PDB file of N, CA and C in Angstrom:
ATOM      1  N   MET A   1       0.845  -1.182   0.000  1.00  0.00           N
ATOM      2  CA  MET A   1       0.000   0.000   0.000  1.00  0.00           C
ATOM      3  C   MET A   1       0.889   1.244   0.000  1.00  0.00           C
ATOM      4  N   ILE A   2       0.459   2.227  -0.712  1.00  0.00           N
ATOM      5  CA  ILE A   2       1.197   3.487  -0.803  1.00  0.00           C
ATOM      6  C   ILE A   2       0.712   4.421   0.323  1.00  0.00           C
ATOM      7  N   THR A   3       1.631   5.141   0.891  1.00  0.00           N
ATOM      8  CA  THR A   3       1.277   6.020   2.013  1.00  0.00           C
ATOM      9  C   THR A   3       0.841   7.399   1.520  1.00  0.00           C
ATOM     10  N   LYS A   4       0.203   8.131   2.417  1.00  0.00           N
ATOM     11  CA  LYS A   4      -0.232   9.490   2.097  1.00  0.00           C
ATOM     12  C   LYS A   4       0.979  10.372   1.802  1.00  0.00           C
ATOM     13  N   ALA A   5       2.062  10.168   2.542  1.00  0.00           N
ATOM     14  CA  ALA A   5       3.285  10.951   2.321  1.00  0.00           C
ATOM     15  C   ALA A   5       3.847  10.695   0.925  1.00  0.00           C
ATOM     16  N   GLU A   6       3.769   9.449   0.458  1.00  0.00           N
ATOM     17  CA  GLU A   6       4.258   9.123  -0.888  1.00  0.00           C
ATOM     18  C   GLU A   6       3.394   9.785  -1.956  1.00  0.00           C
ATOM     19  N   VAL A   7       2.088   9.813  -1.732  1.00  0.00           N
ATOM     20  CA  VAL A   7       1.184  10.495  -2.669  1.00  0.00           C
ATOM     21  C   VAL A   7       1.513  11.984  -2.707  1.00  0.00           C
ATOM     22  N   GLU A   8       1.751  12.567  -1.545  1.00  0.00           N
ATOM     23  CA  GLU A   8       2.098  13.991  -1.490  1.00  0.00           C
ATOM     24  C   GLU A   8       3.419  14.268  -2.199  1.00  0.00           C
ATOM     25  N   LYS A   9       4.385  13.364  -2.045  1.00  0.00           N
ATOM     26  CA  LYS A   9       5.669  13.540  -2.727  1.00  0.00           C
ATOM     27  C   LYS A   9       5.490  13.432  -4.245  1.00  0.00           C
ATOM     28  N   LEU A  10       4.687  12.456  -4.694  1.00  0.00           N
ATOM     29  CA  LEU A  10       4.413  12.321  -6.129  1.00  0.00           C
ATOM     30  C   LEU A  10       3.729  13.569  -6.676  1.00  0.00           C
ATOM     31  N   ALA A  11       2.779  14.098  -5.920  1.00  0.00           N
ATOM     32  CA  ALA A  11       2.086  15.319  -6.345  1.00  0.00           C
ATOM     33  C   ALA A  11       3.070  16.481  -6.437  1.00  0.00           C
ATOM     34  N   HIS A  12       3.974  16.566  -5.484  1.00  0.00           N
ATOM     35  CA  HIS A  12       4.988  17.628  -5.504  1.00  0.00           C
ATOM     36  C   HIS A  12       5.891  17.480  -6.726  1.00  0.00           C
ATOM     37  N   LEU A  13       6.351  16.245  -6.991  1.00  0.00           N
ATOM     38  CA  LEU A  13       7.222  16.010  -8.148  1.00  0.00           C
ATOM     39  C   LEU A  13       6.504  16.295  -9.466  1.00  0.00           C
ATOM     40  N   ALA A  14       5.201  16.003  -9.502  1.00  0.00           N
ATOM     41  CA  ALA A  14       4.409  16.246 -10.708  1.00  0.00           C
ATOM     42  C   ALA A  14       3.930  17.692 -10.785  1.00  0.00           C
ATOM     43  N   ARG A  15       4.211  18.438  -9.740  1.00  0.00           N
ATOM     44  CA  ARG A  15       3.809  19.849  -9.647  1.00  0.00           C
ATOM     45  C   ARG A  15       2.303  20.027  -9.824  1.00  0.00           C
ATOM     46  N   ILE A  16       1.562  19.194  -9.084  1.00  0.00           N
ATOM     47  CA  ILE A  16       0.106  19.324  -9.079  1.00  0.00           C
ATOM     48  C   ILE A  16      -0.360  19.495  -7.636  1.00  0.00           C
ATOM     49  N   GLU A  17      -1.436  20.205  -7.481  1.00  0.00           N
ATOM     50  CA  GLU A  17      -2.019  20.402  -6.159  1.00  0.00           C
ATOM     51  C   GLU A  17      -3.202  19.462  -6.014  1.00  0.00           C
ATOM     52  N   LEU A  18      -3.248  18.776  -4.887  1.00  0.00           N
ATOM     53  CA  LEU A  18      -4.327  17.839  -4.620  1.00  0.00           C
ATOM     54  C   LEU A  18      -5.016  18.199  -3.312  1.00  0.00           C
ATOM     55  N   GLY A  19      -6.334  18.119  -3.318  1.00  0.00           N
ATOM     56  CA  GLY A  19      -7.079  18.278  -2.078  1.00  0.00           C
ATOM     57  C   GLY A  19      -7.008  16.984  -1.277  1.00  0.00           C
ATOM     58  N   GLU A  20      -7.507  17.023  -0.055  1.00  0.00           N
ATOM     59  CA  GLU A  20      -7.450  15.834   0.803  1.00  0.00           C
ATOM     60  C   GLU A  20      -8.228  14.666   0.202  1.00  0.00           C
ATOM     61  N   ALA A  21      -9.385  14.950  -0.378  1.00  0.00           N
ATOM     62  CA  ALA A  21     -10.186  13.882  -0.987  1.00  0.00           C
ATOM     63  C   ALA A  21      -9.453  13.281  -2.188  1.00  0.00           C
ATOM     64  N   GLU A  22      -8.804  14.133  -2.971  1.00  0.00           N
ATOM     65  CA  GLU A  22      -8.053  13.651  -4.136  1.00  0.00           C
ATOM     66  C   GLU A  22      -6.851  12.807  -3.711  1.00  0.00           C
ATOM     67  N   LYS A  23      -6.196  13.220  -2.643  1.00  0.00           N
ATOM     68  CA  LYS A  23      -5.058  12.447  -2.133  1.00  0.00           C
ATOM     69  C   LYS A  23      -5.504  11.058  -1.699  1.00  0.00           C
ATOM     70  N   LYS A  24      -6.632  11.022  -1.000  1.00  0.00           N
ATOM     71  CA  LYS A  24      -7.157   9.746  -0.513  1.00  0.00           C
ATOM     72  C   LYS A  24      -7.528   8.838  -1.687  1.00  0.00           C
ATOM     73  N   GLU A  25      -8.190   9.405  -2.694  1.00  0.00           N
ATOM     74  CA  GLU A  25      -8.593   8.629  -3.873  1.00  0.00           C
ATOM     75  C   GLU A  25      -7.378   8.147  -4.654  1.00  0.00           C
ATOM     76  N   LEU A  26      -6.401   9.017  -4.835  1.00  0.00           N
ATOM     77  CA  LEU A  26      -5.184   8.650  -5.559  1.00  0.00           C
ATOM     78  C   LEU A  26      -4.410   7.578  -4.804  1.00  0.00           C
ATOM     79  N   GLN A  27      -4.382   7.674  -3.490  1.00  0.00           N
ATOM     80  CA  GLN A  27      -3.713   6.667  -2.667  1.00  0.00           C
ATOM     81  C   GLN A  27      -4.371   5.301  -2.881  1.00  0.00           C
ATOM     82  N   LYS A  28      -5.685   5.284  -2.927  1.00  0.00           N
ATOM     83  CA  LYS A  28      -6.430   4.040  -3.143  1.00  0.00           C
ATOM     84  C   LYS A  28      -6.152   3.482  -4.542  1.00  0.00           C
ATOM     85  N   GLU A  29      -6.215   4.339  -5.564  1.00  0.00           N
ATOM     86  CA  GLU A  29      -6.007   3.896  -6.944  1.00  0.00           C
ATOM     87  C   GLU A  29      -4.579   3.411  -7.182  1.00  0.00           C
ATOM     88  N   LEU A  30      -3.601   4.165  -6.694  1.00  0.00           N
ATOM     89  CA  LEU A  30      -2.206   3.753  -6.863  1.00  0.00           C
ATOM     90  C   LEU A  30      -1.929   2.457  -6.110  1.00  0.00           C
ATOM     91  N   GLY A  31      -2.547   2.301  -4.955  1.00  0.00           N
ATOM     92  CA  GLY A  31      -2.399   1.067  -4.189  1.00  0.00           C
ATOM     93  C   GLY A  31      -2.902  -0.136  -4.961  1.00  0.00           C
ATOM     94  N   SER A  32      -4.062   0.005  -5.611  1.00  0.00           N
ATOM     95  CA  SER A  32      -4.600  -1.124  -6.377  1.00  0.00           C
ATOM     96  C   SER A  32      -3.752  -1.404  -7.616  1.00  0.00           C
ATOM     97  N   ILE A  33      -3.189  -0.370  -8.228  1.00  0.00           N
ATOM     98  CA  ILE A  33      -2.295  -0.569  -9.376  1.00  0.00           C
ATOM     99  C   ILE A  33      -1.046  -1.319  -8.938  1.00  0.00           C
ATOM    100  N   LEU A  34      -0.465  -0.913  -7.820  1.00  0.00           N
ATOM    101  CA  LEU A  34       0.737  -1.579  -7.319  1.00  0.00           C
ATOM    102  C   LEU A  34       0.451  -3.020  -6.904  1.00  0.00           C
ATOM    103  N   ASP A  35      -0.733  -3.276  -6.346  1.00  0.00           N
ATOM    104  CA  ASP A  35      -1.120  -4.652  -6.009  1.00  0.00           C
ATOM    105  C   ASP A  35      -1.209  -5.506  -7.266  1.00  0.00           C
ATOM    106  N   PHE A  36      -1.783  -4.937  -8.328  1.00  0.00           N
ATOM    107  CA  PHE A  36      -1.910  -5.668  -9.588  1.00  0.00           C
ATOM    108  C   PHE A  36      -0.538  -5.971 -10.181  1.00  0.00           C
ATOM    109  N   VAL A  37       0.359  -4.995 -10.153  1.00  0.00           N
ATOM    110  CA  VAL A  37       1.721  -5.198 -10.663  1.00  0.00           C
ATOM    111  C   VAL A  37       2.424  -6.282  -9.858  1.00  0.00           C
ATOM    112  N   SER A  38       2.189  -6.297  -8.565  1.00  0.00           N
ATOM    113  CA  SER A  38       2.779  -7.325  -7.706  1.00  0.00           C
ATOM    114  C   SER A  38       2.286  -8.711  -8.115  1.00  0.00           C
ATOM    115  N   LYS A  39       1.001  -8.824  -8.433  1.00  0.00           N
ATOM    116  CA  LYS A  39       0.451 -10.107  -8.897  1.00  0.00           C
ATOM    117  C   LYS A  39       1.067 -10.506 -10.235  1.00  0.00           C
ATOM    118  N   LEU A  40       1.255  -9.537 -11.128  1.00  0.00           N
ATOM    119  CA  LEU A  40       1.857  -9.833 -12.427  1.00  0.00           C
ATOM    120  C   LEU A  40       3.279 -10.344 -12.275  1.00  0.00           C
ATOM    121  N   LYS A  41       4.020  -9.791 -11.332  1.00  0.00           N
ATOM    122  CA  LYS A  41       5.400 -10.224 -11.109  1.00  0.00           C
ATOM    123  C   LYS A  41       5.469 -11.681 -10.683  1.00  0.00           C
ATOM    124  N   LYS A  42       4.437 -12.159  -9.987  1.00  0.00           N
ATOM    125  CA  LYS A  42       4.415 -13.530  -9.485  1.00  0.00           C
ATOM    126  C   LYS A  42       3.932 -14.535 -10.532  1.00  0.00           C
ATOM    127  N   THR A  43       3.426 -14.053 -11.653  1.00  0.00           N
ATOM    128  CA  THR A  43       2.860 -14.914 -12.682  1.00  0.00           C
ATOM    129  C   THR A  43       3.951 -15.668 -13.421  1.00  0.00           C
ATOM    130  N   GLU A  44       3.757 -16.985 -13.552  1.00  0.00           N
ATOM    131  CA  GLU A  44       4.683 -17.818 -14.315  1.00  0.00           C
ATOM    132  C   GLU A  44       4.312 -17.727 -15.794  1.00  0.00           C
ATOM    133  N   VAL A  45       5.276 -17.406 -16.632  1.00  0.00           N
ATOM    134  CA  VAL A  45       5.006 -17.296 -18.061  1.00  0.00           C
ATOM    135  C   VAL A  45       5.683 -18.393 -18.868  1.00  0.00           C
ATOM    136  N   GLY A  46       6.500 -19.197 -18.257  1.00  0.00           N
ATOM    137  CA  GLY A  46       7.125 -20.318 -18.946  1.00  0.00           C
ATOM    138  C   GLY A  46       8.105 -19.893 -20.010  1.00  0.00           C
ATOM    139  N   GLU A  47       8.025 -20.567 -21.138  1.00  0.00           N
ATOM    140  CA  GLU A  47       8.991 -20.372 -22.223  1.00  0.00           C
ATOM    141  C   GLU A  47       8.475 -19.432 -23.311  1.00  0.00           C
ATOM    142  N   ILE A  48       7.718 -18.440 -22.949  1.00  0.00           N
ATOM    143  CA  ILE A  48       7.186 -17.497 -23.935  1.00  0.00           C
ATOM    144  C   ILE A  48       8.283 -16.522 -24.332  1.00  0.00           C
ATOM    145  N   GLN A  49       8.468 -16.364 -25.640  1.00  0.00           N
ATOM    146  CA  GLN A  49       9.462 -15.417 -26.128  1.00  0.00           C
ATOM    147  C   GLN A  49       8.826 -14.039 -26.256  1.00  0.00           C
ATOM    148  N   ALA A  50       9.526 -13.057 -25.796  1.00  0.00           N
ATOM    149  CA  ALA A  50       9.024 -11.690 -25.882  1.00  0.00           C
ATOM    150  C   ALA A  50       8.930 -11.260 -27.339  1.00  0.00           C
ATOM    151  N   GLY A  51       7.827 -10.633 -27.692  1.00  0.00           N
ATOM    152  CA  GLY A  51       7.671 -10.101 -29.040  1.00  0.00           C
ATOM    153  C   GLY A  51       7.336 -11.140 -30.084  1.00  0.00           C
ATOM    154  N   GLY A  52       7.065 -12.359 -29.673  1.00  0.00           N
ATOM    155  CA  GLY A  52       6.728 -13.401 -30.633  1.00  0.00           C
ATOM    156  C   GLY A  52       5.360 -13.168 -31.247  1.00  0.00           C
ATOM    157  N   ARG A  53       5.160 -13.733 -32.399  1.00  0.00           N
ATOM    158  CA  ARG A  53       3.873 -13.591 -33.082  1.00  0.00           C
ATOM    159  C   ARG A  53       3.247 -14.965 -33.270  1.00  0.00           C
ATOM    160  N   ILE A  54       1.941 -14.990 -33.277  1.00  0.00           N
ATOM    161  CA  ILE A  54       1.222 -16.240 -33.469  1.00  0.00           C
ATOM    162  C   ILE A  54       1.286 -16.660 -34.930  1.00  0.00           C
ATOM    163  N   PHE A  55       1.072 -15.722 -35.829  1.00  0.00           N
ATOM    164  CA  PHE A  55       1.052 -16.011 -37.257  1.00  0.00           C
ATOM    165  C   PHE A  55       2.289 -15.418 -37.921  1.00  0.00           C
ATOM    166  N   GLU A  56       2.789 -16.114 -38.917  1.00  0.00           N
ATOM    167  CA  GLU A  56       3.893 -15.563 -39.701  1.00  0.00           C
ATOM    168  C   GLU A  56       3.342 -14.451 -40.580  1.00  0.00           C
ATOM    169  N   GLU A  57       3.964 -13.312 -40.535  1.00  0.00           N
ATOM    170  CA  GLU A  57       3.521 -12.183 -41.341  1.00  0.00           C
ATOM    171  C   GLU A  57       4.634 -11.778 -42.291  1.00  0.00           C
ATOM    172  N   THR A  58       4.252 -11.512 -43.519  1.00  0.00           N
ATOM    173  CA  THR A  58       5.215 -10.999 -44.482  1.00  0.00           C
ATOM    174  C   THR A  58       4.609  -9.783 -45.157  1.00  0.00           C
ATOM    175  N   ASN A  59       5.436  -8.829 -45.472  1.00  0.00           N
ATOM    176  CA  ASN A  59       4.971  -7.654 -46.193  1.00  0.00           C
ATOM    177  C   ASN A  59       4.795  -8.017 -47.660  1.00  0.00           C
ATOM    178  N   VAL A  60       3.678  -7.616 -48.220  1.00  0.00           N
ATOM    179  CA  VAL A  60       3.413  -7.893 -49.625  1.00  0.00           C
ATOM    180  C   VAL A  60       3.362  -6.558 -50.358  1.00  0.00           C
ATOM    181  N   PHE A  61       4.427  -6.285 -51.106  1.00  0.00           N
ATOM    182  CA  PHE A  61       4.510  -5.054 -51.874  1.00  0.00           C
ATOM    183  C   PHE A  61       4.794  -5.394 -53.326  1.00  0.00           C
ATOM    184  N   ARG A  62       4.339  -4.562 -54.222  1.00  0.00           N
ATOM    185  CA  ARG A  62       4.661  -4.760 -55.628  1.00  0.00           C
ATOM    186  C   ARG A  62       6.073  -4.259 -55.878  1.00  0.00           C
ATOM    187  N   GLU A  63       6.661  -4.709 -56.945  1.00  0.00           N
ATOM    188  CA  GLU A  63       7.998  -4.251 -57.319  1.00  0.00           C
ATOM    189  C   GLU A  63       7.953  -2.766 -57.626  1.00  0.00           C
ATOM    190  N   ASP A  64       8.943  -2.067 -57.188  1.00  0.00           N
ATOM    191  CA  ASP A  64       9.043  -0.643 -57.438  1.00  0.00           C
ATOM    192  C   ASP A  64       9.624  -0.440 -58.833  1.00  0.00           C
ATOM    193  N   GLY A  65       8.910   0.235 -59.680  1.00  0.00           N
ATOM    194  CA  GLY A  65       9.414   0.446 -61.035  1.00  0.00           C
ATOM    195  C   GLY A  65       8.989   1.805 -61.561  1.00  0.00           C
ATOM    196  N   GLY A  66       9.802   2.356 -62.409  1.00  0.00           N
ATOM    197  CA  GLY A  66       9.501   3.657 -62.973  1.00  0.00           C
ATOM    198  C   GLY A  66       8.692   3.532 -64.258  1.00  0.00           C
ATOM    199  N   VAL A  67       8.075   4.619 -64.648  1.00  0.00           N
ATOM    200  CA  VAL A  67       7.327   4.673 -65.898  1.00  0.00           C
ATOM    201  C   VAL A  67       8.174   5.462 -66.886  1.00  0.00           C
ATOM    202  N   PHE A  68       8.530   4.812 -67.998  1.00  0.00           N
ATOM    203  CA  PHE A  68       9.381   5.451 -68.995  1.00  0.00           C
ATOM    204  C   PHE A  68       8.547   5.811 -70.219  1.00  0.00           C
ATOM    205  N   GLY A  69       8.904   6.913 -70.824  1.00  0.00           N
ATOM    206  CA  GLY A  69       8.303   7.221 -72.107  1.00  0.00           C
ATOM    207  C   GLY A  69       7.487   8.383 -72.153  1.00  0.00           C
TER     208      GLY A  69
END
């Protein structure tokens, strides 16, 4: 969970002013985002290659040629 002081520091770094209600809401939202990221870190992905594609894709372009005459 993210603390109120951390939310205030983030607001200061972002140069935004937050009211107390906004700080509380942002603390809740950032906390849930960080919880989700924590769950993602624990997820086993096995032998998946980064950037892999399911289907083979090739670019289909016509030959580049000039018009003479």
